[in-house]
Amino acid sequence: DYWNKFEHVRVAASLDANHARGEFL
């Protein structure tokens, strides 16, 4: 809802791995 009120939004997702590896880290 907030992001739709701004013209320029850049989201960097801190995800290091997928599935069980991601949940571990």
PDBML (XML) file of the C-alpha atoms, coordinates in Angstrom:
<?xml version="1.0" encoding="UTF-8" ?>
<PDBx:datablock datablockName="MODEL"
   xmlns:PDBx="http://pdbml.pdb.org/schema/pdbx-v50.xsd"
   xmlns:xsi="http://www.w3.org/2001/XMLSchema-instance"
   xsi:schemaLocation="http://pdbml.pdb.org/schema/pdbx-v50.xsd pdbx-v50.xsd">
   <PDBx:atom_siteCategory>
      <PDBx:atom_site id="1">
         <PDBx:B_iso_or_equiv>0.00</PDBx:B_iso_or_equiv>
         <PDBx:Cartn_x>0.000</PDBx:Cartn_x>
         <PDBx:Cartn_y>0.000</PDBx:Cartn_y>
         <PDBx:Cartn_z>0.000</PDBx:Cartn_z>
         <PDBx:auth_asym_id>A</PDBx:auth_asym_id>
         <PDBx:auth_atom_id>CA</PDBx:auth_atom_id>
         <PDBx:auth_comp_id>ASP</PDBx:auth_comp_id>
         <PDBx:auth_seq_id>1</PDBx:auth_seq_id>
         <PDBx:group_PDB>ATOM</PDBx:group_PDB>
         <PDBx:label_alt_id xsi:nil="true" />
         <PDBx:label_asym_id>A</PDBx:label_asym_id>
         <PDBx:label_atom_id>CA</PDBx:label_atom_id>
         <PDBx:label_comp_id>ASP</PDBx:label_comp_id>
         <PDBx:label_entity_id>1</PDBx:label_entity_id>
         <PDBx:label_seq_id>1</PDBx:label_seq_id>
         <PDBx:occupancy>1.00</PDBx:occupancy>
         <PDBx:pdbx_PDB_model_num>1</PDBx:pdbx_PDB_model_num>
         <PDBx:type_symbol>C</PDBx:type_symbol>
      </PDBx:atom_site>
      <PDBx:atom_site id="2">
         <PDBx:B_iso_or_equiv>0.00</PDBx:B_iso_or_equiv>
         <PDBx:Cartn_x>2.813</PDBx:Cartn_x>
         <PDBx:Cartn_y>2.410</PDBx:Cartn_y>
         <PDBx:Cartn_z>0.873</PDBx:Cartn_z>
         <PDBx:auth_asym_id>A</PDBx:auth_asym_id>
         <PDBx:auth_atom_id>CA</PDBx:auth_atom_id>
         <PDBx:auth_comp_id>TYR</PDBx:auth_comp_id>
         <PDBx:auth_seq_id>2</PDBx:auth_seq_id>
         <PDBx:group_PDB>ATOM</PDBx:group_PDB>
         <PDBx:label_alt_id xsi:nil="true" />
         <PDBx:label_asym_id>A</PDBx:label_asym_id>
         <PDBx:label_atom_id>CA</PDBx:label_atom_id>
         <PDBx:label_comp_id>TYR</PDBx:label_comp_id>
         <PDBx:label_entity_id>1</PDBx:label_entity_id>
         <PDBx:label_seq_id>2</PDBx:label_seq_id>
         <PDBx:occupancy>1.00</PDBx:occupancy>
         <PDBx:pdbx_PDB_model_num>1</PDBx:pdbx_PDB_model_num>
         <PDBx:type_symbol>C</PDBx:type_symbol>
      </PDBx:atom_site>
      <PDBx:atom_site id="3">
         <PDBx:B_iso_or_equiv>0.00</PDBx:B_iso_or_equiv>
         <PDBx:Cartn_x>5.005</PDBx:Cartn_x>
         <PDBx:Cartn_y>1.568</PDBx:Cartn_y>
         <PDBx:Cartn_z>-2.102</PDBx:Cartn_z>
         <PDBx:auth_asym_id>A</PDBx:auth_asym_id>
         <PDBx:auth_atom_id>CA</PDBx:auth_atom_id>
         <PDBx:auth_comp_id>TRP</PDBx:auth_comp_id>
         <PDBx:auth_seq_id>3</PDBx:auth_seq_id>
         <PDBx:group_PDB>ATOM</PDBx:group_PDB>
         <PDBx:label_alt_id xsi:nil="true" />
         <PDBx:label_asym_id>A</PDBx:label_asym_id>
         <PDBx:label_atom_id>CA</PDBx:label_atom_id>
         <PDBx:label_comp_id>TRP</PDBx:label_comp_id>
         <PDBx:label_entity_id>1</PDBx:label_entity_id>
         <PDBx:label_seq_id>3</PDBx:label_seq_id>
         <PDBx:occupancy>1.00</PDBx:occupancy>
         <PDBx:pdbx_PDB_model_num>1</PDBx:pdbx_PDB_model_num>
         <PDBx:type_symbol>C</PDBx:type_symbol>
      </PDBx:atom_site>
      <PDBx:atom_site id="4">
         <PDBx:B_iso_or_equiv>0.00</PDBx:B_iso_or_equiv>
         <PDBx:Cartn_x>2.182</PDBx:Cartn_x>
         <PDBx:Cartn_y>2.366</PDBx:Cartn_y>
         <PDBx:Cartn_z>-4.488</PDBx:Cartn_z>
         <PDBx:auth_asym_id>A</PDBx:auth_asym_id>
         <PDBx:auth_atom_id>CA</PDBx:auth_atom_id>
         <PDBx:auth_comp_id>ASN</PDBx:auth_comp_id>
         <PDBx:auth_seq_id>4</PDBx:auth_seq_id>
         <PDBx:group_PDB>ATOM</PDBx:group_PDB>
         <PDBx:label_alt_id xsi:nil="true" />
         <PDBx:label_asym_id>A</PDBx:label_asym_id>
         <PDBx:label_atom_id>CA</PDBx:label_atom_id>
         <PDBx:label_comp_id>ASN</PDBx:label_comp_id>
         <PDBx:label_entity_id>1</PDBx:label_entity_id>
         <PDBx:label_seq_id>4</PDBx:label_seq_id>
         <PDBx:occupancy>1.00</PDBx:occupancy>
         <PDBx:pdbx_PDB_model_num>1</PDBx:pdbx_PDB_model_num>
         <PDBx:type_symbol>C</PDBx:type_symbol>
      </PDBx:atom_site>
      <PDBx:atom_site id="5">
         <PDBx:B_iso_or_equiv>0.00</PDBx:B_iso_or_equiv>
         <PDBx:Cartn_x>2.277</PDBx:Cartn_x>
         <PDBx:Cartn_y>5.982</PDBx:Cartn_y>
         <PDBx:Cartn_z>-3.247</PDBx:Cartn_z>
         <PDBx:auth_asym_id>A</PDBx:auth_asym_id>
         <PDBx:auth_atom_id>CA</PDBx:auth_atom_id>
         <PDBx:auth_comp_id>LYS</PDBx:auth_comp_id>
         <PDBx:auth_seq_id>5</PDBx:auth_seq_id>
         <PDBx:group_PDB>ATOM</PDBx:group_PDB>
         <PDBx:label_alt_id xsi:nil="true" />
         <PDBx:label_asym_id>A</PDBx:label_asym_id>
         <PDBx:label_atom_id>CA</PDBx:label_atom_id>
         <PDBx:label_comp_id>LYS</PDBx:label_comp_id>
         <PDBx:label_entity_id>1</PDBx:label_entity_id>
         <PDBx:label_seq_id>5</PDBx:label_seq_id>
         <PDBx:occupancy>1.00</PDBx:occupancy>
         <PDBx:pdbx_PDB_model_num>1</PDBx:pdbx_PDB_model_num>
         <PDBx:type_symbol>C</PDBx:type_symbol>
      </PDBx:atom_site>
      <PDBx:atom_site id="6">
         <PDBx:B_iso_or_equiv>0.00</PDBx:B_iso_or_equiv>
         <PDBx:Cartn_x>5.888</PDBx:Cartn_x>
         <PDBx:Cartn_y>6.523</PDBx:Cartn_y>
         <PDBx:Cartn_z>-4.330</PDBx:Cartn_z>
         <PDBx:auth_asym_id>A</PDBx:auth_asym_id>
         <PDBx:auth_atom_id>CA</PDBx:auth_atom_id>
         <PDBx:auth_comp_id>PHE</PDBx:auth_comp_id>
         <PDBx:auth_seq_id>6</PDBx:auth_seq_id>
         <PDBx:group_PDB>ATOM</PDBx:group_PDB>
         <PDBx:label_alt_id xsi:nil="true" />
         <PDBx:label_asym_id>A</PDBx:label_asym_id>
         <PDBx:label_atom_id>CA</PDBx:label_atom_id>
         <PDBx:label_comp_id>PHE</PDBx:label_comp_id>
         <PDBx:label_entity_id>1</PDBx:label_entity_id>
         <PDBx:label_seq_id>6</PDBx:label_seq_id>
         <PDBx:occupancy>1.00</PDBx:occupancy>
         <PDBx:pdbx_PDB_model_num>1</PDBx:pdbx_PDB_model_num>
         <PDBx:type_symbol>C</PDBx:type_symbol>
      </PDBx:atom_site>
      <PDBx:atom_site id="7">
         <PDBx:B_iso_or_equiv>0.00</PDBx:B_iso_or_equiv>
         <PDBx:Cartn_x>7.297</PDBx:Cartn_x>
         <PDBx:Cartn_y>6.823</PDBx:Cartn_y>
         <PDBx:Cartn_z>-7.844</PDBx:Cartn_z>
         <PDBx:auth_asym_id>A</PDBx:auth_asym_id>
         <PDBx:auth_atom_id>CA</PDBx:auth_atom_id>
         <PDBx:auth_comp_id>GLU</PDBx:auth_comp_id>
         <PDBx:auth_seq_id>7</PDBx:auth_seq_id>
         <PDBx:group_PDB>ATOM</PDBx:group_PDB>
         <PDBx:label_alt_id xsi:nil="true" />
         <PDBx:label_asym_id>A</PDBx:label_asym_id>
         <PDBx:label_atom_id>CA</PDBx:label_atom_id>
         <PDBx:label_comp_id>GLU</PDBx:label_comp_id>
         <PDBx:label_entity_id>1</PDBx:label_entity_id>
         <PDBx:label_seq_id>7</PDBx:label_seq_id>
         <PDBx:occupancy>1.00</PDBx:occupancy>
         <PDBx:pdbx_PDB_model_num>1</PDBx:pdbx_PDB_model_num>
         <PDBx:type_symbol>C</PDBx:type_symbol>
      </PDBx:atom_site>
      <PDBx:atom_site id="8">
         <PDBx:B_iso_or_equiv>0.00</PDBx:B_iso_or_equiv>
         <PDBx:Cartn_x>10.629</PDBx:Cartn_x>
         <PDBx:Cartn_y>5.097</PDBx:Cartn_y>
         <PDBx:Cartn_z>-7.310</PDBx:Cartn_z>
         <PDBx:auth_asym_id>A</PDBx:auth_asym_id>
         <PDBx:auth_atom_id>CA</PDBx:auth_atom_id>
         <PDBx:auth_comp_id>HIS</PDBx:auth_comp_id>
         <PDBx:auth_seq_id>8</PDBx:auth_seq_id>
         <PDBx:group_PDB>ATOM</PDBx:group_PDB>
         <PDBx:label_alt_id xsi:nil="true" />
         <PDBx:label_asym_id>A</PDBx:label_asym_id>
         <PDBx:label_atom_id>CA</PDBx:label_atom_id>
         <PDBx:label_comp_id>HIS</PDBx:label_comp_id>
         <PDBx:label_entity_id>1</PDBx:label_entity_id>
         <PDBx:label_seq_id>8</PDBx:label_seq_id>
         <PDBx:occupancy>1.00</PDBx:occupancy>
         <PDBx:pdbx_PDB_model_num>1</PDBx:pdbx_PDB_model_num>
         <PDBx:type_symbol>C</PDBx:type_symbol>
      </PDBx:atom_site>
      <PDBx:atom_site id="9">
         <PDBx:B_iso_or_equiv>0.00</PDBx:B_iso_or_equiv>
         <PDBx:Cartn_x>10.886</PDBx:Cartn_x>
         <PDBx:Cartn_y>2.030</PDBx:Cartn_y>
         <PDBx:Cartn_z>-5.099</PDBx:Cartn_z>
         <PDBx:auth_asym_id>A</PDBx:auth_asym_id>
         <PDBx:auth_atom_id>CA</PDBx:auth_atom_id>
         <PDBx:auth_comp_id>VAL</PDBx:auth_comp_id>
         <PDBx:auth_seq_id>9</PDBx:auth_seq_id>
         <PDBx:group_PDB>ATOM</PDBx:group_PDB>
         <PDBx:label_alt_id xsi:nil="true" />
         <PDBx:label_asym_id>A</PDBx:label_asym_id>
         <PDBx:label_atom_id>CA</PDBx:label_atom_id>
         <PDBx:label_comp_id>VAL</PDBx:label_comp_id>
         <PDBx:label_entity_id>1</PDBx:label_entity_id>
         <PDBx:label_seq_id>9</PDBx:label_seq_id>
         <PDBx:occupancy>1.00</PDBx:occupancy>
         <PDBx:pdbx_PDB_model_num>1</PDBx:pdbx_PDB_model_num>
         <PDBx:type_symbol>C</PDBx:type_symbol>
      </PDBx:atom_site>
      <PDBx:atom_site id="10">
         <PDBx:B_iso_or_equiv>0.00</PDBx:B_iso_or_equiv>
         <PDBx:Cartn_x>13.674</PDBx:Cartn_x>
         <PDBx:Cartn_y>-0.503</PDBx:Cartn_y>
         <PDBx:Cartn_z>-5.160</PDBx:Cartn_z>
         <PDBx:auth_asym_id>A</PDBx:auth_asym_id>
         <PDBx:auth_atom_id>CA</PDBx:auth_atom_id>
         <PDBx:auth_comp_id>ARG</PDBx:auth_comp_id>
         <PDBx:auth_seq_id>10</PDBx:auth_seq_id>
         <PDBx:group_PDB>ATOM</PDBx:group_PDB>
         <PDBx:label_alt_id xsi:nil="true" />
         <PDBx:label_asym_id>A</PDBx:label_asym_id>
         <PDBx:label_atom_id>CA</PDBx:label_atom_id>
         <PDBx:label_comp_id>ARG</PDBx:label_comp_id>
         <PDBx:label_entity_id>1</PDBx:label_entity_id>
         <PDBx:label_seq_id>10</PDBx:label_seq_id>
         <PDBx:occupancy>1.00</PDBx:occupancy>
         <PDBx:pdbx_PDB_model_num>1</PDBx:pdbx_PDB_model_num>
         <PDBx:type_symbol>C</PDBx:type_symbol>
      </PDBx:atom_site>
      <PDBx:atom_site id="11">
         <PDBx:B_iso_or_equiv>0.00</PDBx:B_iso_or_equiv>
         <PDBx:Cartn_x>13.403</PDBx:Cartn_x>
         <PDBx:Cartn_y>-3.610</PDBx:Cartn_y>
         <PDBx:Cartn_z>-2.994</PDBx:Cartn_z>
         <PDBx:auth_asym_id>A</PDBx:auth_asym_id>
         <PDBx:auth_atom_id>CA</PDBx:auth_atom_id>
         <PDBx:auth_comp_id>VAL</PDBx:auth_comp_id>
         <PDBx:auth_seq_id>11</PDBx:auth_seq_id>
         <PDBx:group_PDB>ATOM</PDBx:group_PDB>
         <PDBx:label_alt_id xsi:nil="true" />
         <PDBx:label_asym_id>A</PDBx:label_asym_id>
         <PDBx:label_atom_id>CA</PDBx:label_atom_id>
         <PDBx:label_comp_id>VAL</PDBx:label_comp_id>
         <PDBx:label_entity_id>1</PDBx:label_entity_id>
         <PDBx:label_seq_id>11</PDBx:label_seq_id>
         <PDBx:occupancy>1.00</PDBx:occupancy>
         <PDBx:pdbx_PDB_model_num>1</PDBx:pdbx_PDB_model_num>
         <PDBx:type_symbol>C</PDBx:type_symbol>
      </PDBx:atom_site>
      <PDBx:atom_site id="12">
         <PDBx:B_iso_or_equiv>0.00</PDBx:B_iso_or_equiv>
         <PDBx:Cartn_x>16.444</PDBx:Cartn_x>
         <PDBx:Cartn_y>-5.763</PDBx:Cartn_y>
         <PDBx:Cartn_z>-2.331</PDBx:Cartn_z>
         <PDBx:auth_asym_id>A</PDBx:auth_asym_id>
         <PDBx:auth_atom_id>CA</PDBx:auth_atom_id>
         <PDBx:auth_comp_id>ALA</PDBx:auth_comp_id>
         <PDBx:auth_seq_id>12</PDBx:auth_seq_id>
         <PDBx:group_PDB>ATOM</PDBx:group_PDB>
         <PDBx:label_alt_id xsi:nil="true" />
         <PDBx:label_asym_id>A</PDBx:label_asym_id>
         <PDBx:label_atom_id>CA</PDBx:label_atom_id>
         <PDBx:label_comp_id>ALA</PDBx:label_comp_id>
         <PDBx:label_entity_id>1</PDBx:label_entity_id>
         <PDBx:label_seq_id>12</PDBx:label_seq_id>
         <PDBx:occupancy>1.00</PDBx:occupancy>
         <PDBx:pdbx_PDB_model_num>1</PDBx:pdbx_PDB_model_num>
         <PDBx:type_symbol>C</PDBx:type_symbol>
      </PDBx:atom_site>
      <PDBx:atom_site id="13">
         <PDBx:B_iso_or_equiv>0.00</PDBx:B_iso_or_equiv>
         <PDBx:Cartn_x>15.490</PDBx:Cartn_x>
         <PDBx:Cartn_y>-9.059</PDBx:Cartn_y>
         <PDBx:Cartn_z>-0.739</PDBx:Cartn_z>
         <PDBx:auth_asym_id>A</PDBx:auth_asym_id>
         <PDBx:auth_atom_id>CA</PDBx:auth_atom_id>
         <PDBx:auth_comp_id>ALA</PDBx:auth_comp_id>
         <PDBx:auth_seq_id>13</PDBx:auth_seq_id>
         <PDBx:group_PDB>ATOM</PDBx:group_PDB>
         <PDBx:label_alt_id xsi:nil="true" />
         <PDBx:label_asym_id>A</PDBx:label_asym_id>
         <PDBx:label_atom_id>CA</PDBx:label_atom_id>
         <PDBx:label_comp_id>ALA</PDBx:label_comp_id>
         <PDBx:label_entity_id>1</PDBx:label_entity_id>
         <PDBx:label_seq_id>13</PDBx:label_seq_id>
         <PDBx:occupancy>1.00</PDBx:occupancy>
         <PDBx:pdbx_PDB_model_num>1</PDBx:pdbx_PDB_model_num>
         <PDBx:type_symbol>C</PDBx:type_symbol>
      </PDBx:atom_site>
      <PDBx:atom_site id="14">
         <PDBx:B_iso_or_equiv>0.00</PDBx:B_iso_or_equiv>
         <PDBx:Cartn_x>18.179</PDBx:Cartn_x>
         <PDBx:Cartn_y>-10.453</PDBx:Cartn_y>
         <PDBx:Cartn_z>1.555</PDBx:Cartn_z>
         <PDBx:auth_asym_id>A</PDBx:auth_asym_id>
         <PDBx:auth_atom_id>CA</PDBx:auth_atom_id>
         <PDBx:auth_comp_id>SER</PDBx:auth_comp_id>
         <PDBx:auth_seq_id>14</PDBx:auth_seq_id>
         <PDBx:group_PDB>ATOM</PDBx:group_PDB>
         <PDBx:label_alt_id xsi:nil="true" />
         <PDBx:label_asym_id>A</PDBx:label_asym_id>
         <PDBx:label_atom_id>CA</PDBx:label_atom_id>
         <PDBx:label_comp_id>SER</PDBx:label_comp_id>
         <PDBx:label_entity_id>1</PDBx:label_entity_id>
         <PDBx:label_seq_id>14</PDBx:label_seq_id>
         <PDBx:occupancy>1.00</PDBx:occupancy>
         <PDBx:pdbx_PDB_model_num>1</PDBx:pdbx_PDB_model_num>
         <PDBx:type_symbol>C</PDBx:type_symbol>
      </PDBx:atom_site>
      <PDBx:atom_site id="15">
         <PDBx:B_iso_or_equiv>0.00</PDBx:B_iso_or_equiv>
         <PDBx:Cartn_x>17.715</PDBx:Cartn_x>
         <PDBx:Cartn_y>-14.080</PDBx:Cartn_y>
         <PDBx:Cartn_z>0.653</PDBx:Cartn_z>
         <PDBx:auth_asym_id>A</PDBx:auth_asym_id>
         <PDBx:auth_atom_id>CA</PDBx:auth_atom_id>
         <PDBx:auth_comp_id>LEU</PDBx:auth_comp_id>
         <PDBx:auth_seq_id>15</PDBx:auth_seq_id>
         <PDBx:group_PDB>ATOM</PDBx:group_PDB>
         <PDBx:label_alt_id xsi:nil="true" />
         <PDBx:label_asym_id>A</PDBx:label_asym_id>
         <PDBx:label_atom_id>CA</PDBx:label_atom_id>
         <PDBx:label_comp_id>LEU</PDBx:label_comp_id>
         <PDBx:label_entity_id>1</PDBx:label_entity_id>
         <PDBx:label_seq_id>15</PDBx:label_seq_id>
         <PDBx:occupancy>1.00</PDBx:occupancy>
         <PDBx:pdbx_PDB_model_num>1</PDBx:pdbx_PDB_model_num>
         <PDBx:type_symbol>C</PDBx:type_symbol>
      </PDBx:atom_site>
      <PDBx:atom_site id="16">
         <PDBx:B_iso_or_equiv>0.00</PDBx:B_iso_or_equiv>
         <PDBx:Cartn_x>20.867</PDBx:Cartn_x>
         <PDBx:Cartn_y>-16.162</PDBx:Cartn_y>
         <PDBx:Cartn_z>0.686</PDBx:Cartn_z>
         <PDBx:auth_asym_id>A</PDBx:auth_asym_id>
         <PDBx:auth_atom_id>CA</PDBx:auth_atom_id>
         <PDBx:auth_comp_id>ASP</PDBx:auth_comp_id>
         <PDBx:auth_seq_id>16</PDBx:auth_seq_id>
         <PDBx:group_PDB>ATOM</PDBx:group_PDB>
         <PDBx:label_alt_id xsi:nil="true" />
         <PDBx:label_asym_id>A</PDBx:label_asym_id>
         <PDBx:label_atom_id>CA</PDBx:label_atom_id>
         <PDBx:label_comp_id>ASP</PDBx:label_comp_id>
         <PDBx:label_entity_id>1</PDBx:label_entity_id>
         <PDBx:label_seq_id>16</PDBx:label_seq_id>
         <PDBx:occupancy>1.00</PDBx:occupancy>
         <PDBx:pdbx_PDB_model_num>1</PDBx:pdbx_PDB_model_num>
         <PDBx:type_symbol>C</PDBx:type_symbol>
      </PDBx:atom_site>
      <PDBx:atom_site id="17">
         <PDBx:B_iso_or_equiv>0.00</PDBx:B_iso_or_equiv>
         <PDBx:Cartn_x>19.564</PDBx:Cartn_x>
         <PDBx:Cartn_y>-19.537</PDBx:Cartn_y>
         <PDBx:Cartn_z>-0.465</PDBx:Cartn_z>
         <PDBx:auth_asym_id>A</PDBx:auth_asym_id>
         <PDBx:auth_atom_id>CA</PDBx:auth_atom_id>
         <PDBx:auth_comp_id>ALA</PDBx:auth_comp_id>
         <PDBx:auth_seq_id>17</PDBx:auth_seq_id>
         <PDBx:group_PDB>ATOM</PDBx:group_PDB>
         <PDBx:label_alt_id xsi:nil="true" />
         <PDBx:label_asym_id>A</PDBx:label_asym_id>
         <PDBx:label_atom_id>CA</PDBx:label_atom_id>
         <PDBx:label_comp_id>ALA</PDBx:label_comp_id>
         <PDBx:label_entity_id>1</PDBx:label_entity_id>
         <PDBx:label_seq_id>17</PDBx:label_seq_id>
         <PDBx:occupancy>1.00</PDBx:occupancy>
         <PDBx:pdbx_PDB_model_num>1</PDBx:pdbx_PDB_model_num>
         <PDBx:type_symbol>C</PDBx:type_symbol>
      </PDBx:atom_site>
      <PDBx:atom_site id="18">
         <PDBx:B_iso_or_equiv>0.00</PDBx:B_iso_or_equiv>
         <PDBx:Cartn_x>16.326</PDBx:Cartn_x>
         <PDBx:Cartn_y>-21.355</PDBx:Cartn_y>
         <PDBx:Cartn_z>-1.265</PDBx:Cartn_z>
         <PDBx:auth_asym_id>A</PDBx:auth_asym_id>
         <PDBx:auth_atom_id>CA</PDBx:auth_atom_id>
         <PDBx:auth_comp_id>ASN</PDBx:auth_comp_id>
         <PDBx:auth_seq_id>18</PDBx:auth_seq_id>
         <PDBx:group_PDB>ATOM</PDBx:group_PDB>
         <PDBx:label_alt_id xsi:nil="true" />
         <PDBx:label_asym_id>A</PDBx:label_asym_id>
         <PDBx:label_atom_id>CA</PDBx:label_atom_id>
         <PDBx:label_comp_id>ASN</PDBx:label_comp_id>
         <PDBx:label_entity_id>1</PDBx:label_entity_id>
         <PDBx:label_seq_id>18</PDBx:label_seq_id>
         <PDBx:occupancy>1.00</PDBx:occupancy>
         <PDBx:pdbx_PDB_model_num>1</PDBx:pdbx_PDB_model_num>
         <PDBx:type_symbol>C</PDBx:type_symbol>
      </PDBx:atom_site>
      <PDBx:atom_site id="19">
         <PDBx:B_iso_or_equiv>0.00</PDBx:B_iso_or_equiv>
         <PDBx:Cartn_x>14.170</PDBx:Cartn_x>
         <PDBx:Cartn_y>-23.859</PDBx:Cartn_y>
         <PDBx:Cartn_z>0.636</PDBx:Cartn_z>
         <PDBx:auth_asym_id>A</PDBx:auth_asym_id>
         <PDBx:auth_atom_id>CA</PDBx:auth_atom_id>
         <PDBx:auth_comp_id>HIS</PDBx:auth_comp_id>
         <PDBx:auth_seq_id>19</PDBx:auth_seq_id>
         <PDBx:group_PDB>ATOM</PDBx:group_PDB>
         <PDBx:label_alt_id xsi:nil="true" />
         <PDBx:label_asym_id>A</PDBx:label_asym_id>
         <PDBx:label_atom_id>CA</PDBx:label_atom_id>
         <PDBx:label_comp_id>HIS</PDBx:label_comp_id>
         <PDBx:label_entity_id>1</PDBx:label_entity_id>
         <PDBx:label_seq_id>19</PDBx:label_seq_id>
         <PDBx:occupancy>1.00</PDBx:occupancy>
         <PDBx:pdbx_PDB_model_num>1</PDBx:pdbx_PDB_model_num>
         <PDBx:type_symbol>C</PDBx:type_symbol>
      </PDBx:atom_site>
      <PDBx:atom_site id="20">
         <PDBx:B_iso_or_equiv>0.00</PDBx:B_iso_or_equiv>
         <PDBx:Cartn_x>15.759</PDBx:Cartn_x>
         <PDBx:Cartn_y>-25.487</PDBx:Cartn_y>
         <PDBx:Cartn_z>3.718</PDBx:Cartn_z>
         <PDBx:auth_asym_id>A</PDBx:auth_asym_id>
         <PDBx:auth_atom_id>CA</PDBx:auth_atom_id>
         <PDBx:auth_comp_id>ALA</PDBx:auth_comp_id>
         <PDBx:auth_seq_id>20</PDBx:auth_seq_id>
         <PDBx:group_PDB>ATOM</PDBx:group_PDB>
         <PDBx:label_alt_id xsi:nil="true" />
         <PDBx:label_asym_id>A</PDBx:label_asym_id>
         <PDBx:label_atom_id>CA</PDBx:label_atom_id>
         <PDBx:label_comp_id>ALA</PDBx:label_comp_id>
         <PDBx:label_entity_id>1</PDBx:label_entity_id>
         <PDBx:label_seq_id>20</PDBx:label_seq_id>
         <PDBx:occupancy>1.00</PDBx:occupancy>
         <PDBx:pdbx_PDB_model_num>1</PDBx:pdbx_PDB_model_num>
         <PDBx:type_symbol>C</PDBx:type_symbol>
      </PDBx:atom_site>
      <PDBx:atom_site id="21">
         <PDBx:B_iso_or_equiv>0.00</PDBx:B_iso_or_equiv>
         <PDBx:Cartn_x>19.115</PDBx:Cartn_x>
         <PDBx:Cartn_y>-23.807</PDBx:Cartn_y>
         <PDBx:Cartn_z>3.086</PDBx:Cartn_z>
         <PDBx:auth_asym_id>A</PDBx:auth_asym_id>
         <PDBx:auth_atom_id>CA</PDBx:auth_atom_id>
         <PDBx:auth_comp_id>ARG</PDBx:auth_comp_id>
         <PDBx:auth_seq_id>21</PDBx:auth_seq_id>
         <PDBx:group_PDB>ATOM</PDBx:group_PDB>
         <PDBx:label_alt_id xsi:nil="true" />
         <PDBx:label_asym_id>A</PDBx:label_asym_id>
         <PDBx:label_atom_id>CA</PDBx:label_atom_id>
         <PDBx:label_comp_id>ARG</PDBx:label_comp_id>
         <PDBx:label_entity_id>1</PDBx:label_entity_id>
         <PDBx:label_seq_id>21</PDBx:label_seq_id>
         <PDBx:occupancy>1.00</PDBx:occupancy>
         <PDBx:pdbx_PDB_model_num>1</PDBx:pdbx_PDB_model_num>
         <PDBx:type_symbol>C</PDBx:type_symbol>
      </PDBx:atom_site>
      <PDBx:atom_site id="22">
         <PDBx:B_iso_or_equiv>0.00</PDBx:B_iso_or_equiv>
         <PDBx:Cartn_x>17.452</PDBx:Cartn_x>
         <PDBx:Cartn_y>-20.407</PDBx:Cartn_y>
         <PDBx:Cartn_z>3.117</PDBx:Cartn_z>
         <PDBx:auth_asym_id>A</PDBx:auth_asym_id>
         <PDBx:auth_atom_id>CA</PDBx:auth_atom_id>
         <PDBx:auth_comp_id>GLY</PDBx:auth_comp_id>
         <PDBx:auth_seq_id>22</PDBx:auth_seq_id>
         <PDBx:group_PDB>ATOM</PDBx:group_PDB>
         <PDBx:label_alt_id xsi:nil="true" />
         <PDBx:label_asym_id>A</PDBx:label_asym_id>
         <PDBx:label_atom_id>CA</PDBx:label_atom_id>
         <PDBx:label_comp_id>GLY</PDBx:label_comp_id>
         <PDBx:label_entity_id>1</PDBx:label_entity_id>
         <PDBx:label_seq_id>22</PDBx:label_seq_id>
         <PDBx:occupancy>1.00</PDBx:occupancy>
         <PDBx:pdbx_PDB_model_num>1</PDBx:pdbx_PDB_model_num>
         <PDBx:type_symbol>C</PDBx:type_symbol>
      </PDBx:atom_site>
      <PDBx:atom_site id="23">
         <PDBx:B_iso_or_equiv>0.00</PDBx:B_iso_or_equiv>
         <PDBx:Cartn_x>15.541</PDBx:Cartn_x>
         <PDBx:Cartn_y>-21.186</PDBx:Cartn_y>
         <PDBx:Cartn_z>6.315</PDBx:Cartn_z>
         <PDBx:auth_asym_id>A</PDBx:auth_asym_id>
         <PDBx:auth_atom_id>CA</PDBx:auth_atom_id>
         <PDBx:auth_comp_id>GLU</PDBx:auth_comp_id>
         <PDBx:auth_seq_id>23</PDBx:auth_seq_id>
         <PDBx:group_PDB>ATOM</PDBx:group_PDB>
         <PDBx:label_alt_id xsi:nil="true" />
         <PDBx:label_asym_id>A</PDBx:label_asym_id>
         <PDBx:label_atom_id>CA</PDBx:label_atom_id>
         <PDBx:label_comp_id>GLU</PDBx:label_comp_id>
         <PDBx:label_entity_id>1</PDBx:label_entity_id>
         <PDBx:label_seq_id>23</PDBx:label_seq_id>
         <PDBx:occupancy>1.00</PDBx:occupancy>
         <PDBx:pdbx_PDB_model_num>1</PDBx:pdbx_PDB_model_num>
         <PDBx:type_symbol>C</PDBx:type_symbol>
      </PDBx:atom_site>
      <PDBx:atom_site id="24">
         <PDBx:B_iso_or_equiv>0.00</PDBx:B_iso_or_equiv>
         <PDBx:Cartn_x>18.764</PDBx:Cartn_x>
         <PDBx:Cartn_y>-22.355</PDBx:Cartn_y>
         <PDBx:Cartn_z>7.997</PDBx:Cartn_z>
         <PDBx:auth_asym_id>A</PDBx:auth_asym_id>
         <PDBx:auth_atom_id>CA</PDBx:auth_atom_id>
         <PDBx:auth_comp_id>PHE</PDBx:auth_comp_id>
         <PDBx:auth_seq_id>24</PDBx:auth_seq_id>
         <PDBx:group_PDB>ATOM</PDBx:group_PDB>
         <PDBx:label_alt_id xsi:nil="true" />
         <PDBx:label_asym_id>A</PDBx:label_asym_id>
         <PDBx:label_atom_id>CA</PDBx:label_atom_id>
         <PDBx:label_comp_id>PHE</PDBx:label_comp_id>
         <PDBx:label_entity_id>1</PDBx:label_entity_id>
         <PDBx:label_seq_id>24</PDBx:label_seq_id>
         <PDBx:occupancy>1.00</PDBx:occupancy>
         <PDBx:pdbx_PDB_model_num>1</PDBx:pdbx_PDB_model_num>
         <PDBx:type_symbol>C</PDBx:type_symbol>
      </PDBx:atom_site>
      <PDBx:atom_site id="25">
         <PDBx:B_iso_or_equiv>0.00</PDBx:B_iso_or_equiv>
         <PDBx:Cartn_x>20.722</PDBx:Cartn_x>
         <PDBx:Cartn_y>-19.227</PDBx:Cartn_y>
         <PDBx:Cartn_z>7.119</PDBx:Cartn_z>
         <PDBx:auth_asym_id>A</PDBx:auth_asym_id>
         <PDBx:auth_atom_id>CA</PDBx:auth_atom_id>
         <PDBx:auth_comp_id>LEU</PDBx:auth_comp_id>
         <PDBx:auth_seq_id>25</PDBx:auth_seq_id>
         <PDBx:group_PDB>ATOM</PDBx:group_PDB>
         <PDBx:label_alt_id xsi:nil="true" />
         <PDBx:label_asym_id>A</PDBx:label_asym_id>
         <PDBx:label_atom_id>CA</PDBx:label_atom_id>
         <PDBx:label_comp_id>LEU</PDBx:label_comp_id>
         <PDBx:label_entity_id>1</PDBx:label_entity_id>
         <PDBx:label_seq_id>25</PDBx:label_seq_id>
         <PDBx:occupancy>1.00</PDBx:occupancy>
         <PDBx:pdbx_PDB_model_num>1</PDBx:pdbx_PDB_model_num>
         <PDBx:type_symbol>C</PDBx:type_symbol>
      </PDBx:atom_site>
   </PDBx:atom_siteCategory>
</PDBx:datablock>
